Amino acid sequence: MPLERRRFLRTTLLRPVPCHVRFQSTLQGNPRESSVAALEVSRGGLRLAVPGKLPPGAVFQVWLTPPGHARDYHLAGIVRWCRERQVNSEIGVQLTHAPKTDYDAWQRLCFV
């Protein structure tokens, strides 16, 4: 059985939550924007369904509204892994405490 390395409990969403992302790979110069779906959320990260493939290390910004909340949260993070699926890919994003984001407010949310 693999060792669980997550620090925070994660919540699998009953339905994918649409969100808007802007990401920039450390290997590619120009930022790209896309609409994606959040599949899991936690205080420390996200699992997202995205079109195409994103390399680990890509710098990431996401705007999402968790179920039961009335506002968007602007978060920043780094892609840690990418798994290709039949229709799209899934990525794991580790959230980072970046300036001008809602990281502190996100940390106060209760997901479980």
C-alpha atoms as a PDB file:
ATOM      1  CA  MET A   1       0.000   0.000   0.000  1.00  0.00           C
ATOM      2  CA  PRO A   2       1.440   3.417  -0.968  1.00  0.00           C
ATOM      3  CA  LEU A   3       2.366   5.829   1.787  1.00  0.00           C
ATOM      4  CA  GLU A   4      -0.102   8.714   2.112  1.00  0.00           C
ATOM      5  CA  ARG A   5       1.848  11.987   2.088  1.00  0.00           C
ATOM      6  CA  ARG A   6      -0.992  14.515   2.186  1.00  0.00           C
ATOM      7  CA  ARG A   7      -1.105  16.831   5.200  1.00  0.00           C
ATOM      8  CA  PHE A   8      -4.782  17.776   4.803  1.00  0.00           C
ATOM      9  CA  LEU A   9      -7.969  15.764   4.369  1.00  0.00           C
ATOM     10  CA  ARG A  10      -9.382  16.043   0.876  1.00  0.00           C
ATOM     11  CA  THR A  11     -12.987  16.186  -0.237  1.00  0.00           C
ATOM     12  CA  THR A  12     -14.131  14.518  -3.439  1.00  0.00           C
ATOM     13  CA  LEU A  13     -16.822  16.714  -4.945  1.00  0.00           C
ATOM     14  CA  LEU A  14     -20.166  15.087  -5.795  1.00  0.00           C
ATOM     15  CA  ARG A  15     -20.143  16.952  -9.112  1.00  0.00           C
ATOM     16  CA  PRO A  16     -17.181  18.529 -10.873  1.00  0.00           C
ATOM     17  CA  VAL A  17     -17.099  22.259 -10.130  1.00  0.00           C
ATOM     18  CA  PRO A  18     -16.365  24.473 -13.150  1.00  0.00           C
ATOM     19  CA  CYS A  19     -13.512  26.902 -12.629  1.00  0.00           C
ATOM     20  CA  HIS A  20     -11.251  29.187 -14.643  1.00  0.00           C
ATOM     21  CA  VAL A  21      -7.490  28.710 -14.713  1.00  0.00           C
ATOM     22  CA  ARG A  22      -4.418  30.507 -15.965  1.00  0.00           C
ATOM     23  CA  PHE A  23      -1.219  28.537 -16.084  1.00  0.00           C
ATOM     24  CA  GLN A  24       2.333  29.009 -17.222  1.00  0.00           C
ATOM     25  CA  SER A  25       4.742  26.160 -17.678  1.00  0.00           C
ATOM     26  CA  THR A  26       8.328  26.638 -16.663  1.00  0.00           C
ATOM     27  CA  LEU A  27       9.094  25.112 -20.095  1.00  0.00           C
ATOM     28  CA  GLN A  28       6.783  27.396 -22.121  1.00  0.00           C
ATOM     29  CA  GLY A  29       6.815  31.184 -22.110  1.00  0.00           C
ATOM     30  CA  ASN A  30       3.252  32.445 -22.606  1.00  0.00           C
ATOM     31  CA  PRO A  31       0.469  31.877 -20.074  1.00  0.00           C
ATOM     32  CA  ARG A  32      -2.581  29.917 -21.263  1.00  0.00           C
ATOM     33  CA  GLU A  33      -6.138  30.178 -19.992  1.00  0.00           C
ATOM     34  CA  SER A  34      -8.804  27.496 -19.908  1.00  0.00           C
ATOM     35  CA  SER A  35     -12.009  26.371 -18.266  1.00  0.00           C
ATOM     36  CA  VAL A  36     -11.526  23.230 -16.178  1.00  0.00           C
ATOM     37  CA  ALA A  37     -13.337  21.244 -13.467  1.00  0.00           C
ATOM     38  CA  ALA A  38     -12.342  20.754  -9.837  1.00  0.00           C
ATOM     39  CA  LEU A  39     -12.733  17.094  -8.783  1.00  0.00           C
ATOM     40  CA  GLU A  40     -11.251  17.228  -5.252  1.00  0.00           C
ATOM     41  CA  VAL A  41     -10.389  20.071  -2.903  1.00  0.00           C
ATOM     42  CA  SER A  42      -8.390  20.370   0.279  1.00  0.00           C
ATOM     43  CA  ARG A  43      -6.671  23.101   2.250  1.00  0.00           C
ATOM     44  CA  GLY A  44      -3.388  22.248   0.569  1.00  0.00           C
ATOM     45  CA  GLY A  45      -4.306  21.334  -2.987  1.00  0.00           C
ATOM     46  CA  LEU A  46      -6.699  20.500  -5.795  1.00  0.00           C
ATOM     47  CA  ARG A  47      -7.313  17.709  -8.277  1.00  0.00           C
ATOM     48  CA  LEU A  48      -8.520  19.165 -11.564  1.00  0.00           C
ATOM     49  CA  ALA A  49      -9.719  17.779 -14.901  1.00  0.00           C
ATOM     50  CA  VAL A  50      -7.984  19.772 -17.650  1.00  0.00           C
ATOM     51  CA  PRO A  51      -7.850  19.642 -21.446  1.00  0.00           C
ATOM     52  CA  GLY A  52      -4.490  18.462 -22.726  1.00  0.00           C
ATOM     53  CA  LYS A  53      -1.456  17.725 -20.603  1.00  0.00           C
ATOM     54  CA  LEU A  54       0.369  19.964 -18.135  1.00  0.00           C
ATOM     55  CA  PRO A  55       3.908  19.220 -17.028  1.00  0.00           C
ATOM     56  CA  PRO A  56       4.840  18.996 -13.358  1.00  0.00           C
ATOM     57  CA  GLY A  57       6.305  22.313 -12.299  1.00  0.00           C
ATOM     58  CA  ALA A  58       3.824  24.448 -14.250  1.00  0.00           C
ATOM     59  CA  VAL A  59       2.846  27.584 -12.301  1.00  0.00           C
ATOM     60  CA  PHE A  60      -0.896  27.714 -11.877  1.00  0.00           C
ATOM     61  CA  GLN A  61      -3.657  30.188 -10.922  1.00  0.00           C
ATOM     62  CA  VAL A  62      -7.268  29.123 -10.474  1.00  0.00           C
ATOM     63  CA  TRP A  63     -10.541  30.895  -9.694  1.00  0.00           C
ATOM     64  CA  LEU A  64     -13.219  28.627  -8.245  1.00  0.00           C
ATOM     65  CA  THR A  65     -16.385  28.752  -6.179  1.00  0.00           C
ATOM     66  CA  PRO A  66     -16.683  25.761  -3.815  1.00  0.00           C
ATOM     67  CA  PRO A  67     -20.140  24.203  -3.405  1.00  0.00           C
ATOM     68  CA  GLY A  68     -22.178  26.115  -0.830  1.00  0.00           C
ATOM     69  CA  HIS A  69     -20.114  29.308  -1.151  1.00  0.00           C
ATOM     70  CA  ALA A  70     -21.142  32.512  -2.874  1.00  0.00           C
ATOM     71  CA  ARG A  71     -17.732  33.809  -3.928  1.00  0.00           C
ATOM     72  CA  ASP A  72     -14.797  32.906  -6.134  1.00  0.00           C
ATOM     73  CA  TYR A  73     -11.479  32.077  -4.520  1.00  0.00           C
ATOM     74  CA  HIS A  74      -8.321  33.061  -6.400  1.00  0.00           C
ATOM     75  CA  LEU A  75      -5.562  30.527  -5.655  1.00  0.00           C
ATOM     76  CA  ALA A  76      -2.054  29.853  -6.939  1.00  0.00           C
ATOM     77  CA  GLY A  77      -0.123  26.624  -7.059  1.00  0.00           C
ATOM     78  CA  ILE A  78       2.262  24.276  -8.812  1.00  0.00           C
ATOM     79  CA  VAL A  79       1.334  21.217 -10.851  1.00  0.00           C
ATOM     80  CA  ARG A  80       2.794  18.183  -9.019  1.00  0.00           C
ATOM     81  CA  TRP A  81       1.512  15.372 -11.267  1.00  0.00           C
ATOM     82  CA  CYS A  82      -0.470  14.810 -14.460  1.00  0.00           C
ATOM     83  CA  ARG A  83      -2.377  11.659 -15.509  1.00  0.00           C
ATOM     84  CA  GLU A  84      -3.694  11.395 -19.041  1.00  0.00           C
ATOM     85  CA  ARG A  85      -7.263  10.064 -19.361  1.00  0.00           C
ATOM     86  CA  GLN A  86      -9.383   9.221 -22.408  1.00  0.00           C
ATOM     87  CA  VAL A  87     -11.102  12.602 -22.680  1.00  0.00           C
ATOM     88  CA  ASN A  88      -8.795  14.930 -20.733  1.00  0.00           C
ATOM     89  CA  SER A  89      -6.069  14.829 -18.100  1.00  0.00           C
ATOM     90  CA  GLU A  90      -6.164  15.067 -14.324  1.00  0.00           C
ATOM     91  CA  ILE A  91      -3.608  17.164 -12.483  1.00  0.00           C
ATOM     92  CA  GLY A  92      -2.657  17.513  -8.847  1.00  0.00           C
ATOM     93  CA  VAL A  93      -1.977  21.098  -7.785  1.00  0.00           C
ATOM     94  CA  GLN A  94      -0.149  21.998  -4.583  1.00  0.00           C
ATOM     95  CA  LEU A  95      -1.400  25.400  -3.414  1.00  0.00           C
ATOM     96  CA  THR A  96       1.131  28.085  -2.572  1.00  0.00           C
ATOM     97  CA  HIS A  97       0.846  31.240  -0.473  1.00  0.00           C
ATOM     98  CA  ALA A  98       1.195  33.812  -3.241  1.00  0.00           C
ATOM     99  CA  PRO A  99       0.571  37.563  -2.968  1.00  0.00           C
ATOM    100  CA  LYS A 100      -2.851  38.882  -4.047  1.00  0.00           C
ATOM    101  CA  THR A 101      -4.559  35.501  -3.730  1.00  0.00           C
ATOM    102  CA  ASP A 102      -7.220  34.163  -1.374  1.00  0.00           C
ATOM    103  CA  TYR A 103      -4.878  31.570   0.155  1.00  0.00           C
ATOM    104  CA  ASP A 104      -5.495  32.676   3.755  1.00  0.00           C
ATOM    105  CA  ALA A 105      -9.287  32.699   3.306  1.00  0.00           C
ATOM    106  CA  TRP A 106      -9.092  29.262   1.630  1.00  0.00           C
ATOM    107  CA  GLN A 107      -7.194  27.898   4.635  1.00  0.00           C
ATOM    108  CA  ARG A 108     -10.075  28.935   6.901  1.00  0.00           C
ATOM    109  CA  LEU A 109     -12.671  26.989   4.898  1.00  0.00           C
ATOM    110  CA  CYS A 110     -13.877  23.712   6.330  1.00  0.00           C
ATOM    111  CA  PHE A 111     -14.141  20.959   3.714  1.00  0.00           C
ATOM    112  CA  VAL A 112     -14.956  17.990   5.943  1.00  0.00           C
END
